[in-house]
Amino acid sequence: MWLLYKGANYSTDNKYFKGISRLDELFERACYYQLFDTFVELGFTPIIDDNINFLNEANIYEKVVFEKNTFKITLYYQSLPINLTTIKKHTNNLRPDFIIEFDDLSYVILD
């Protein structure tokens, strides 16, 4: 629904849909945009570090810091904060879709 609300009509060259080949990826992408917009609506300013990698060809960052006054929240998308580790199952790293990190190093893990 979020993508429809934003006027994102499906096409292979639409920035909202680049790199999506499965339905679960579409859902994750919509959740990413919803989380991003929610932090902005709450008054946080996104701080994009030029050294942070794009996760895919849709220019989605694997890490975005949001600041409001002296409070910081970091949103990780399919990546891990340095302080967290994951387990391996066969050859794949298991990691959650989203991790929200707060200043006090507490986390919300969304998968």
PDB file of N, CA and C in Angstrom:
ATOM      1  N   MET A   1       0.815  -1.192   0.000  1.00  0.00           N
ATOM      2  CA  MET A   1       0.000   0.000   0.000  1.00  0.00           C
ATOM      3  C   MET A   1       0.867   1.267   0.000  1.00  0.00           C
ATOM      4  N   TRP A   2       1.986   1.227   0.721  1.00  0.00           N
ATOM      5  CA  TRP A   2       2.831   2.423   0.781  1.00  0.00           C
ATOM      6  C   TRP A   2       3.299   2.817  -0.605  1.00  0.00           C
ATOM      7  N   LEU A   3       3.702   1.827  -1.398  1.00  0.00           N
ATOM      8  CA  LEU A   3       4.198   2.139  -2.731  1.00  0.00           C
ATOM      9  C   LEU A   3       3.103   2.750  -3.596  1.00  0.00           C
ATOM     10  N   LEU A   4       1.876   2.268  -3.468  1.00  0.00           N
ATOM     11  CA  LEU A   4       0.768   2.869  -4.218  1.00  0.00           C
ATOM     12  C   LEU A   4       0.507   4.284  -3.732  1.00  0.00           C
ATOM     13  N   TYR A   5       0.569   4.490  -2.423  1.00  0.00           N
ATOM     14  CA  TYR A   5       0.377   5.825  -1.853  1.00  0.00           C
ATOM     15  C   TYR A   5       1.391   6.818  -2.413  1.00  0.00           C
ATOM     16  N   LYS A   6       2.613   6.349  -2.623  1.00  0.00           N
ATOM     17  CA  LYS A   6       3.679   7.202  -3.161  1.00  0.00           C
ATOM     18  C   LYS A   6       3.606   7.331  -4.679  1.00  0.00           C
ATOM     19  N   GLY A   7       2.625   6.676  -5.294  1.00  0.00           N
ATOM     20  CA  GLY A   7       2.474   6.784  -6.736  1.00  0.00           C
ATOM     21  C   GLY A   7       3.468   5.948  -7.514  1.00  0.00           C
ATOM     22  N   ALA A   8       3.972   4.895  -6.901  1.00  0.00           N
ATOM     23  CA  ALA A   8       4.962   4.056  -7.562  1.00  0.00           C
ATOM     24  C   ALA A   8       4.264   3.001  -8.408  1.00  0.00           C
ATOM     25  N   ASN A   9       4.183   3.244  -9.697  1.00  0.00           N
ATOM     26  CA  ASN A   9       3.625   2.263 -10.621  1.00  0.00           C
ATOM     27  C   ASN A   9       4.730   1.317 -11.043  1.00  0.00           C
ATOM     28  N   TYR A  10       4.392   0.030 -11.116  1.00  0.00           N
ATOM     29  CA  TYR A  10       5.423  -0.957 -11.430  1.00  0.00           C
ATOM     30  C   TYR A  10       5.943  -0.805 -12.851  1.00  0.00           C
ATOM     31  N   SER A  11       7.242  -0.724 -12.959  1.00  0.00           N
ATOM     32  CA  SER A  11       7.954  -0.848 -14.227  1.00  0.00           C
ATOM     33  C   SER A  11       9.397  -1.170 -13.874  1.00  0.00           C
ATOM     34  N   THR A  12      10.097  -1.805 -14.780  1.00  0.00           N
ATOM     35  CA  THR A  12      11.457  -2.242 -14.475  1.00  0.00           C
ATOM     36  C   THR A  12      12.434  -1.098 -14.297  1.00  0.00           C
ATOM     37  N   ASP A  13      12.109   0.091 -14.803  1.00  0.00           N
ATOM     38  CA  ASP A  13      13.029   1.220 -14.657  1.00  0.00           C
ATOM     39  C   ASP A  13      12.628   2.175 -13.538  1.00  0.00           C
ATOM     40  N   ASN A  14      11.553   1.881 -12.822  1.00  0.00           N
ATOM     41  CA  ASN A  14      11.118   2.709 -11.708  1.00  0.00           C
ATOM     42  C   ASN A  14      12.077   2.512 -10.541  1.00  0.00           C
ATOM     43  N   LYS A  15      12.569   3.604  -9.949  1.00  0.00           N
ATOM     44  CA  LYS A  15      13.580   3.502  -8.895  1.00  0.00           C
ATOM     45  C   LYS A  15      13.101   2.719  -7.678  1.00  0.00           C
ATOM     46  N   TYR A  16      11.799   2.723  -7.418  1.00  0.00           N
ATOM     47  CA  TYR A  16      11.287   1.988  -6.270  1.00  0.00           C
ATOM     48  C   TYR A  16      11.390   0.471  -6.456  1.00  0.00           C
ATOM     49  N   PHE A  17      11.462   0.006  -7.696  1.00  0.00           N
ATOM     50  CA  PHE A  17      11.399  -1.424  -7.978  1.00  0.00           C
ATOM     51  C   PHE A  17      12.688  -2.020  -8.521  1.00  0.00           C
ATOM     52  N   LYS A  18      13.724  -1.235  -8.735  1.00  0.00           N
ATOM     53  CA  LYS A  18      14.960  -1.756  -9.316  1.00  0.00           C
ATOM     54  C   LYS A  18      15.529  -2.884  -8.477  1.00  0.00           C
ATOM     55  N   GLY A  19      15.898  -3.959  -9.140  1.00  0.00           N
ATOM     56  CA  GLY A  19      16.541  -5.089  -8.486  1.00  0.00           C
ATOM     57  C   GLY A  19      15.594  -6.063  -7.813  1.00  0.00           C
ATOM     58  N   ILE A  20      14.304  -5.835  -7.872  1.00  0.00           N
ATOM     59  CA  ILE A  20      13.352  -6.727  -7.218  1.00  0.00           C
ATOM     60  C   ILE A  20      13.000  -7.867  -8.161  1.00  0.00           C
ATOM     61  N   SER A  21      13.210  -9.091  -7.673  1.00  0.00           N
ATOM     62  CA  SER A  21      12.857 -10.249  -8.480  1.00  0.00           C
ATOM     63  C   SER A  21      11.896 -11.186  -7.747  1.00  0.00           C
ATOM     64  N   ARG A  22      11.643 -10.911  -6.458  1.00  0.00           N
ATOM     65  CA  ARG A  22      10.742 -11.757  -5.667  1.00  0.00           C
ATOM     66  C   ARG A  22       9.790 -10.873  -4.869  1.00  0.00           C
ATOM     67  N   LEU A  23       8.644 -11.431  -4.506  1.00  0.00           N
ATOM     68  CA  LEU A  23       7.633 -10.683  -3.779  1.00  0.00           C
ATOM     69  C   LEU A  23       8.117 -10.251  -2.391  1.00  0.00           C
ATOM     70  N   ASP A  24       8.896 -11.096  -1.704  1.00  0.00           N
ATOM     71  CA  ASP A  24       9.398 -10.712  -0.386  1.00  0.00           C
ATOM     72  C   ASP A  24      10.330  -9.508  -0.471  1.00  0.00           C
ATOM     73  N   GLU A  25      11.058  -9.375  -1.580  1.00  0.00           N
ATOM     74  CA  GLU A  25      11.918  -8.203  -1.774  1.00  0.00           C
ATOM     75  C   GLU A  25      11.086  -6.932  -1.936  1.00  0.00           C
ATOM     76  N   LEU A  26       9.946  -7.052  -2.603  1.00  0.00           N
ATOM     77  CA  LEU A  26       9.039  -5.912  -2.749  1.00  0.00           C
ATOM     78  C   LEU A  26       8.540  -5.457  -1.384  1.00  0.00           C
ATOM     79  N   PHE A  27       8.153  -6.405  -0.543  1.00  0.00           N
ATOM     80  CA  PHE A  27       7.676  -6.084   0.800  1.00  0.00           C
ATOM     81  C   PHE A  27       8.776  -5.422   1.629  1.00  0.00           C
ATOM     82  N   GLU A  28       9.987  -5.959   1.576  1.00  0.00           N
ATOM     83  CA  GLU A  28      11.108  -5.372   2.316  1.00  0.00           C
ATOM     84  C   GLU A  28      11.394  -3.949   1.855  1.00  0.00           C
ATOM     85  N   ARG A  29      11.320  -3.730   0.555  1.00  0.00           N
ATOM     86  CA  ARG A  29      11.580  -2.397   0.006  1.00  0.00           C
ATOM     87  C   ARG A  29      10.537  -1.404   0.516  1.00  0.00           C
ATOM     88  N   ALA A  30       9.277  -1.815   0.506  1.00  0.00           N
ATOM     89  CA  ALA A  30       8.215  -0.942   1.008  1.00  0.00           C
ATOM     90  C   ALA A  30       8.422  -0.646   2.494  1.00  0.00           C
ATOM     91  N   CYS A  31       8.841  -1.642   3.259  1.00  0.00           N
ATOM     92  CA  CYS A  31       9.117  -1.425   4.690  1.00  0.00           C
ATOM     93  C   CYS A  31      10.265  -0.457   4.892  1.00  0.00           C
ATOM     94  N   TYR A  32      11.306  -0.558   4.065  1.00  0.00           N
ATOM     95  CA  TYR A  32      12.443   0.360   4.139  1.00  0.00           C
ATOM     96  C   TYR A  32      11.978   1.801   3.951  1.00  0.00           C
ATOM     97  N   TYR A  33      11.218   2.035   2.897  1.00  0.00           N
ATOM     98  CA  TYR A  33      10.740   3.390   2.625  1.00  0.00           C
ATOM     99  C   TYR A  33       9.810   3.880   3.738  1.00  0.00           C
ATOM    100  N   GLN A  34       8.993   2.983   4.274  1.00  0.00           N
ATOM    101  CA  GLN A  34       8.078   3.364   5.347  1.00  0.00           C
ATOM    102  C   GLN A  34       8.850   3.742   6.612  1.00  0.00           C
ATOM    103  N   LEU A  35       9.860   2.953   6.966  1.00  0.00           N
ATOM    104  CA  LEU A  35      10.684   3.285   8.136  1.00  0.00           C
ATOM    105  C   LEU A  35      11.395   4.626   7.932  1.00  0.00           C
ATOM    106  N   PHE A  36      11.977   4.811   6.760  1.00  0.00           N
ATOM    107  CA  PHE A  36      12.679   6.057   6.441  1.00  0.00           C
ATOM    108  C   PHE A  36      11.731   7.245   6.602  1.00  0.00           C
ATOM    109  N   ASP A  37      10.567   7.164   5.984  1.00  0.00           N
ATOM    110  CA  ASP A  37       9.590   8.258   6.047  1.00  0.00           C
ATOM    111  C   ASP A  37       9.083   8.496   7.462  1.00  0.00           C
ATOM    112  N   THR A  38       8.913   7.428   8.232  1.00  0.00           N
ATOM    113  CA  THR A  38       8.430   7.569   9.606  1.00  0.00           C
ATOM    114  C   THR A  38       9.424   8.361  10.454  1.00  0.00           C
ATOM    115  N   PHE A  39      10.715   8.044  10.333  1.00  0.00           N
ATOM    116  CA  PHE A  39      11.712   8.801  11.092  1.00  0.00           C
ATOM    117  C   PHE A  39      11.712  10.275  10.684  1.00  0.00           C
ATOM    118  N   VAL A  40      11.577  10.542   9.404  1.00  0.00           N
ATOM    119  CA  VAL A  40      11.530  11.929   8.931  1.00  0.00           C
ATOM    120  C   VAL A  40      10.285  12.635   9.472  1.00  0.00           C
ATOM    121  N   GLU A  41       9.141  11.958   9.446  1.00  0.00           N
ATOM    122  CA  GLU A  41       7.902  12.544   9.970  1.00  0.00           C
ATOM    123  C   GLU A  41       7.981  12.814  11.475  1.00  0.00           C
ATOM    124  N   LEU A  42       8.795  12.045  12.174  1.00  0.00           N
ATOM    125  CA  LEU A  42       8.997  12.256  13.611  1.00  0.00           C
ATOM    126  C   LEU A  42       9.994  13.376  13.895  1.00  0.00           C
ATOM    127  N   GLY A  43      10.495  14.016  12.844  1.00  0.00           N
ATOM    128  CA  GLY A  43      11.378  15.161  13.014  1.00  0.00           C
ATOM    129  C   GLY A  43      12.854  14.851  12.923  1.00  0.00           C
ATOM    130  N   PHE A  44      13.218  13.627  12.545  1.00  0.00           N
ATOM    131  CA  PHE A  44      14.621  13.250  12.399  1.00  0.00           C
ATOM    132  C   PHE A  44      15.122  13.656  11.012  1.00  0.00           C
ATOM    133  N   THR A  45      16.383  14.026  10.948  1.00  0.00           N
ATOM    134  CA  THR A  45      17.027  14.383   9.690  1.00  0.00           C
ATOM    135  C   THR A  45      17.945  13.239   9.282  1.00  0.00           C
ATOM    136  N   PRO A  46      17.780  12.707   8.063  1.00  0.00           N
ATOM    137  CA  PRO A  46      18.690  11.642   7.624  1.00  0.00           C
ATOM    138  C   PRO A  46      20.068  12.214   7.302  1.00  0.00           C
ATOM    139  N   ILE A  47      21.081  11.543   7.799  1.00  0.00           N
ATOM    140  CA  ILE A  47      22.467  11.912   7.534  1.00  0.00           C
ATOM    141  C   ILE A  47      23.071  10.776   6.714  1.00  0.00           C
ATOM    142  N   ILE A  48      23.375  11.067   5.466  1.00  0.00           N
ATOM    143  CA  ILE A  48      23.917  10.045   4.571  1.00  0.00           C
ATOM    144  C   ILE A  48      25.428  10.212   4.504  1.00  0.00           C
ATOM    145  N   ASP A  49      26.136   9.183   4.896  1.00  0.00           N
ATOM    146  CA  ASP A  49      27.594   9.173   4.839  1.00  0.00           C
ATOM    147  C   ASP A  49      28.009   8.731   3.439  1.00  0.00           C
ATOM    148  N   ASP A  50      28.841   9.523   2.778  1.00  0.00           N
ATOM    149  CA  ASP A  50      29.273   9.202   1.418  1.00  0.00           C
ATOM    150  C   ASP A  50      30.077   7.908   1.347  1.00  0.00           C
ATOM    151  N   ASN A  51      30.594   7.437   2.479  1.00  0.00           N
ATOM    152  CA  ASN A  51      31.383   6.213   2.503  1.00  0.00           C
ATOM    153  C   ASN A  51      30.521   4.962   2.663  1.00  0.00           C
ATOM    154  N   ILE A  52      29.208   5.138   2.874  1.00  0.00           N
ATOM    155  CA  ILE A  52      28.316   4.001   3.037  1.00  0.00           C
ATOM    156  C   ILE A  52      27.931   3.475   1.658  1.00  0.00           C
ATOM    157  N   ASN A  53      27.938   2.173   1.537  1.00  0.00           N
ATOM    158  CA  ASN A  53      27.642   1.543   0.255  1.00  0.00           C
ATOM    159  C   ASN A  53      26.149   1.500  -0.030  1.00  0.00           C
ATOM    160  N   PHE A  54      25.825   1.585  -1.314  1.00  0.00           N
ATOM    161  CA  PHE A  54      24.466   1.283  -1.738  1.00  0.00           C
ATOM    162  C   PHE A  54      24.304  -0.223  -1.655  1.00  0.00           C
ATOM    163  N   LEU A  55      23.139  -0.642  -1.220  1.00  0.00           N
ATOM    164  CA  LEU A  55      22.892  -2.071  -1.117  1.00  0.00           C
ATOM    165  C   LEU A  55      22.569  -2.681  -2.475  1.00  0.00           C
ATOM    166  N   ASN A  56      21.973  -1.900  -3.353  1.00  0.00           N
ATOM    167  CA  ASN A  56      21.578  -2.417  -4.660  1.00  0.00           C
ATOM    168  C   ASN A  56      21.479  -1.275  -5.664  1.00  0.00           C
ATOM    169  N   GLU A  57      21.055  -1.605  -6.862  1.00  0.00           N
ATOM    170  CA  GLU A  57      20.993  -0.601  -7.926  1.00  0.00           C
ATOM    171  C   GLU A  57      19.887   0.421  -7.741  1.00  0.00           C
ATOM    172  N   ALA A  58      19.031   0.233  -6.751  1.00  0.00           N
ATOM    173  CA  ALA A  58      17.967   1.208  -6.467  1.00  0.00           C
ATOM    174  C   ALA A  58      18.472   2.320  -5.551  1.00  0.00           C
ATOM    175  N   ASN A  59      19.765   2.342  -5.277  1.00  0.00           N
ATOM    176  CA  ASN A  59      20.383   3.360  -4.419  1.00  0.00           C
ATOM    177  C   ASN A  59      19.817   3.354  -3.005  1.00  0.00           C
ATOM    178  N   ILE A  60      19.595   2.178  -2.477  1.00  0.00           N
ATOM    179  CA  ILE A  60      19.166   2.035  -1.085  1.00  0.00           C
ATOM    180  C   ILE A  60      20.421   1.833  -0.249  1.00  0.00           C
ATOM    181  N   TYR A  61      20.553   2.640   0.781  1.00  0.00           N
ATOM    182  CA  TYR A  61      21.722   2.558   1.638  1.00  0.00           C
ATOM    183  C   TYR A  61      21.590   1.416   2.629  1.00  0.00           C
ATOM    184  N   GLU A  62      22.700   0.763   2.936  1.00  0.00           N
ATOM    185  CA  GLU A  62      22.676  -0.293   3.936  1.00  0.00           C
ATOM    186  C   GLU A  62      22.676   0.283   5.356  1.00  0.00           C
ATOM    187  N   LYS A  63      22.977   1.581   5.473  1.00  0.00           N
ATOM    188  CA  LYS A  63      22.992   2.224   6.795  1.00  0.00           C
ATOM    189  C   LYS A  63      22.662   3.703   6.638  1.00  0.00           C
ATOM    190  N   VAL A  64      21.697   4.174   7.438  1.00  0.00           N
ATOM    191  CA  VAL A  64      21.340   5.590   7.441  1.00  0.00           C
ATOM    192  C   VAL A  64      21.226   6.036   8.896  1.00  0.00           C
ATOM    193  N   VAL A  65      21.873   7.144   9.229  1.00  0.00           N
ATOM    194  CA  VAL A  65      21.779   7.722  10.568  1.00  0.00           C
ATOM    195  C   VAL A  65      20.737   8.837  10.524  1.00  0.00           C
ATOM    196  N   PHE A  66      19.855   8.834  11.515  1.00  0.00           N
ATOM    197  CA  PHE A  66      18.848   9.883  11.648  1.00  0.00           C
ATOM    198  C   PHE A  66      19.147  10.655  12.923  1.00  0.00           C
ATOM    199  N   GLU A  67      19.164  11.990  12.828  1.00  0.00           N
ATOM    200  CA  GLU A  67      19.463  12.832  13.987  1.00  0.00           C
ATOM    201  C   GLU A  67      18.298  13.764  14.281  1.00  0.00           C
ATOM    202  N   LYS A  68      18.058  13.961  15.584  1.00  0.00           N
ATOM    203  CA  LYS A  68      17.085  14.947  16.061  1.00  0.00           C
ATOM    204  C   LYS A  68      17.642  15.506  17.350  1.00  0.00           C
ATOM    205  N   ASN A  69      18.028  16.771  17.305  1.00  0.00           N
ATOM    206  CA  ASN A  69      18.734  17.402  18.421  1.00  0.00           C
ATOM    207  C   ASN A  69      19.998  16.591  18.695  1.00  0.00           C
ATOM    208  N   THR A  70      20.153  16.037  19.877  1.00  0.00           N
ATOM    209  CA  THR A  70      21.349  15.249  20.179  1.00  0.00           C
ATOM    210  C   THR A  70      21.082  13.749  20.118  1.00  0.00           C
ATOM    211  N   PHE A  71      19.890  13.361  19.722  1.00  0.00           N
ATOM    212  CA  PHE A  71      19.492  11.953  19.675  1.00  0.00           C
ATOM    213  C   PHE A  71      19.756  11.380  18.288  1.00  0.00           C
ATOM    214  N   LYS A  72      20.363  10.201  18.243  1.00  0.00           N
ATOM    215  CA  LYS A  72      20.648   9.538  16.973  1.00  0.00           C
ATOM    216  C   LYS A  72      20.008   8.152  16.938  1.00  0.00           C
ATOM    217  N   ILE A  73      19.497   7.816  15.767  1.00  0.00           N
ATOM    218  CA  ILE A  73      18.988   6.479  15.487  1.00  0.00           C
ATOM    219  C   ILE A  73      19.653   6.037  14.192  1.00  0.00           C
ATOM    220  N   THR A  74      20.126   4.796  14.156  1.00  0.00           N
ATOM    221  CA  THR A  74      20.738   4.269  12.945  1.00  0.00           C
ATOM    222  C   THR A  74      19.882   3.128  12.416  1.00  0.00           C
ATOM    223  N   LEU A  75      19.527   3.213  11.146  1.00  0.00           N
ATOM    224  CA  LEU A  75      18.751   2.175  10.480  1.00  0.00           C
ATOM    225  C   LEU A  75      19.689   1.369   9.592  1.00  0.00           C
ATOM    226  N   TYR A  76      19.759   0.064   9.845  1.00  0.00           N
ATOM    227  CA  TYR A  76      20.546  -0.855   9.019  1.00  0.00           C
ATOM    228  C   TYR A  76      19.576  -1.681   8.182  1.00  0.00           C
ATOM    229  N   TYR A  77      19.863  -1.790   6.909  1.00  0.00           N
ATOM    230  CA  TYR A  77      19.036  -2.607   6.023  1.00  0.00           C
ATOM    231  C   TYR A  77      19.902  -3.725   5.459  1.00  0.00           C
ATOM    232  N   GLN A  78      19.609  -4.938   5.855  1.00  0.00           N
ATOM    233  CA  GLN A  78      20.338  -6.135   5.449  1.00  0.00           C
ATOM    234  C   GLN A  78      21.835  -6.011   5.709  1.00  0.00           C
ATOM    235  N   SER A  79      22.166  -5.355   6.788  1.00  0.00           N
ATOM    236  CA  SER A  79      23.550  -5.261   7.228  1.00  0.00           C
ATOM    237  C   SER A  79      23.554  -5.252   8.754  1.00  0.00           C
ATOM    238  N   LEU A  80      24.717  -5.414   9.328  1.00  0.00           N
ATOM    239  CA  LEU A  80      24.831  -5.525  10.784  1.00  0.00           C
ATOM    240  C   LEU A  80      25.664  -4.397  11.363  1.00  0.00           C
ATOM    241  N   PRO A  81      25.264  -3.903  12.544  1.00  0.00           N
ATOM    242  CA  PRO A  81      26.146  -2.983  13.270  1.00  0.00           C
ATOM    243  C   PRO A  81      27.413  -3.723  13.689  1.00  0.00           C
ATOM    244  N   ILE A  82      28.461  -2.996  13.902  1.00  0.00           N
ATOM    245  CA  ILE A  82      29.739  -3.608  14.289  1.00  0.00           C
ATOM    246  C   ILE A  82      29.607  -4.416  15.576  1.00  0.00           C
ATOM    247  N   ASN A  83      28.753  -3.960  16.501  1.00  0.00           N
ATOM    248  CA  ASN A  83      28.626  -4.606  17.810  1.00  0.00           C
ATOM    249  C   ASN A  83      27.830  -5.898  17.787  1.00  0.00           C
ATOM    250  N   LEU A  84      27.184  -6.225  16.690  1.00  0.00           N
ATOM    251  CA  LEU A  84      26.378  -7.437  16.613  1.00  0.00           C
ATOM    252  C   LEU A  84      27.021  -8.457  15.689  1.00  0.00           C
ATOM    253  N   THR A  85      26.784  -9.711  15.975  1.00  0.00           N
ATOM    254  CA  THR A  85      27.260 -10.781  15.098  1.00  0.00           C
ATOM    255  C   THR A  85      26.071 -11.631  14.686  1.00  0.00           C
ATOM    256  N   THR A  86      26.305 -12.490  13.734  1.00  0.00           N
ATOM    257  CA  THR A  86      25.261 -13.384  13.250  1.00  0.00           C
ATOM    258  C   THR A  86      25.814 -14.794  13.187  1.00  0.00           C
ATOM    259  N   ILE A  87      24.935 -15.739  12.966  1.00  0.00           N
ATOM    260  CA  ILE A  87      25.376 -17.117  12.819  1.00  0.00           C
ATOM    261  C   ILE A  87      25.367 -17.485  11.346  1.00  0.00           C
ATOM    262  N   LYS A  88      26.046 -18.552  11.035  1.00  0.00           N
ATOM    263  CA  LYS A  88      26.072 -19.017   9.655  1.00  0.00           C
ATOM    264  C   LYS A  88      25.297 -20.318   9.557  1.00  0.00           C
ATOM    265  N   LYS A  89      24.538 -20.442   8.500  1.00  0.00           N
ATOM    266  CA  LYS A  89      23.858 -21.682   8.194  1.00  0.00           C
ATOM    267  C   LYS A  89      24.372 -22.100   6.829  1.00  0.00           C
ATOM    268  N   HIS A  90      25.152 -23.142   6.807  1.00  0.00           N
ATOM    269  CA  HIS A  90      25.832 -23.599   5.602  1.00  0.00           C
ATOM    270  C   HIS A  90      26.749 -22.467   5.123  1.00  0.00           C
ATOM    271  N   THR A  91      26.532 -21.928   3.964  1.00  0.00           N
ATOM    272  CA  THR A  91      27.426 -20.878   3.469  1.00  0.00           C
ATOM    273  C   THR A  91      26.798 -19.495   3.511  1.00  0.00           C
ATOM    274  N   ASN A  92      25.535 -19.392   3.935  1.00  0.00           N
ATOM    275  CA  ASN A  92      24.858 -18.095   3.943  1.00  0.00           C
ATOM    276  C   ASN A  92      24.914 -17.449   5.315  1.00  0.00           C
ATOM    277  N   ASN A  93      25.163 -16.158   5.343  1.00  0.00           N
ATOM    278  CA  ASN A  93      25.055 -15.414   6.591  1.00  0.00           C
ATOM    279  C   ASN A  93      23.591 -15.133   6.861  1.00  0.00           C
ATOM    280  N   LEU A  94      23.149 -15.387   8.058  1.00  0.00           N
ATOM    281  CA  LEU A  94      21.785 -15.062   8.432  1.00  0.00           C
ATOM    282  C   LEU A  94      21.794 -13.698   9.102  1.00  0.00           C
ATOM    283  N   ARG A  95      21.011 -12.790   8.579  1.00  0.00           N
ATOM    284  CA  ARG A  95      20.906 -11.465   9.187  1.00  0.00           C
ATOM    285  C   ARG A  95      19.484 -10.962   8.986  1.00  0.00           C
ATOM    286  N   PRO A  96      19.008 -10.167   9.928  1.00  0.00           N
ATOM    287  CA  PRO A  96      17.644  -9.641   9.802  1.00  0.00           C
ATOM    288  C   PRO A  96      17.550  -8.596   8.696  1.00  0.00           C
ATOM    289  N   ASP A  97      16.316  -8.338   8.276  1.00  0.00           N
ATOM    290  CA  ASP A  97      16.105  -7.334   7.238  1.00  0.00           C
ATOM    291  C   ASP A  97      16.457  -5.942   7.751  1.00  0.00           C
ATOM    292  N   PHE A  98      16.005  -5.618   8.968  1.00  0.00           N
ATOM    293  CA  PHE A  98      16.225  -4.283   9.523  1.00  0.00           C
ATOM    294  C   PHE A  98      16.717  -4.384  10.957  1.00  0.00           C
ATOM    295  N   ILE A  99      17.635  -3.516  11.293  1.00  0.00           N
ATOM    296  CA  ILE A  99      18.068  -3.323  12.675  1.00  0.00           C
ATOM    297  C   ILE A  99      18.039  -1.828  12.938  1.00  0.00           C
ATOM    298  N   ILE A 100      17.403  -1.447  14.018  1.00  0.00           N
ATOM    299  CA  ILE A 100      17.386  -0.049  14.438  1.00  0.00           C
ATOM    300  C   ILE A 100      18.244   0.037  15.688  1.00  0.00           C
ATOM    301  N   GLU A 101      19.280   0.862  15.624  1.00  0.00           N
ATOM    302  CA  GLU A 101      20.222   1.022  16.733  1.00  0.00           C
ATOM    303  C   GLU A 101      20.017   2.387  17.379  1.00  0.00           C
ATOM    304  N   PHE A 102      19.950   2.404  18.693  1.00  0.00           N
ATOM    305  CA  PHE A 102      19.791   3.642  19.450  1.00  0.00           C
ATOM    306  C   PHE A 102      21.119   4.042  20.071  1.00  0.00           C
ATOM    307  N   ASP A 103      21.194   5.290  20.541  1.00  0.00           N
ATOM    308  CA  ASP A 103      22.429   5.828  21.129  1.00  0.00           C
ATOM    309  C   ASP A 103      22.998   4.964  22.242  1.00  0.00           C
ATOM    310  N   ASP A 104      22.121   4.352  23.034  1.00  0.00           N
ATOM    311  CA  ASP A 104      22.592   3.562  24.179  1.00  0.00           C
ATOM    312  C   ASP A 104      22.973   2.132  23.791  1.00  0.00           C
ATOM    313  N   LEU A 105      23.110   1.890  22.485  1.00  0.00           N
ATOM    314  CA  LEU A 105      23.448   0.583  21.924  1.00  0.00           C
ATOM    315  C   LEU A 105      22.386  -0.476  22.209  1.00  0.00           C
ATOM    316  N   SER A 106      21.144  -0.041  22.326  1.00  0.00           N
ATOM    317  CA  SER A 106      20.032  -0.985  22.345  1.00  0.00           C
ATOM    318  C   SER A 106      19.531  -1.104  20.912  1.00  0.00           C
ATOM    319  N   TYR A 107      18.866  -2.213  20.638  1.00  0.00           N
ATOM    320  CA  TYR A 107      18.503  -2.507  19.256  1.00  0.00           C
ATOM    321  C   TYR A 107      17.053  -2.973  19.162  1.00  0.00           C
ATOM    322  N   VAL A 108      16.456  -2.691  18.012  1.00  0.00           N
ATOM    323  CA  VAL A 108      15.193  -3.304  17.610  1.00  0.00           C
ATOM    324  C   VAL A 108      15.526  -4.069  16.338  1.00  0.00           C
ATOM    325  N   ILE A 109      15.214  -5.366  16.340  1.00  0.00           N
ATOM    326  CA  ILE A 109      15.507  -6.212  15.197  1.00  0.00           C
ATOM    327  C   ILE A 109      14.184  -6.579  14.533  1.00  0.00           C
ATOM    328  N   LEU A 110      14.078  -6.287  13.243  1.00  0.00           N
ATOM    329  CA  LEU A 110      12.864  -6.548  12.483  1.00  0.00           C
ATOM    330  C   LEU A 110      13.192  -7.466  11.314  1.00  0.00           C
ATOM    331  N   ASP A 111      12.499  -8.594  11.270  1.00  0.00           N
ATOM    332  CA  ASP A 111      12.743  -9.531  10.181  1.00  0.00           C
ATOM    333  C   ASP A 111      11.434 -10.133   9.718  1.00  0.00           C
TER     334      ASP A 111
END
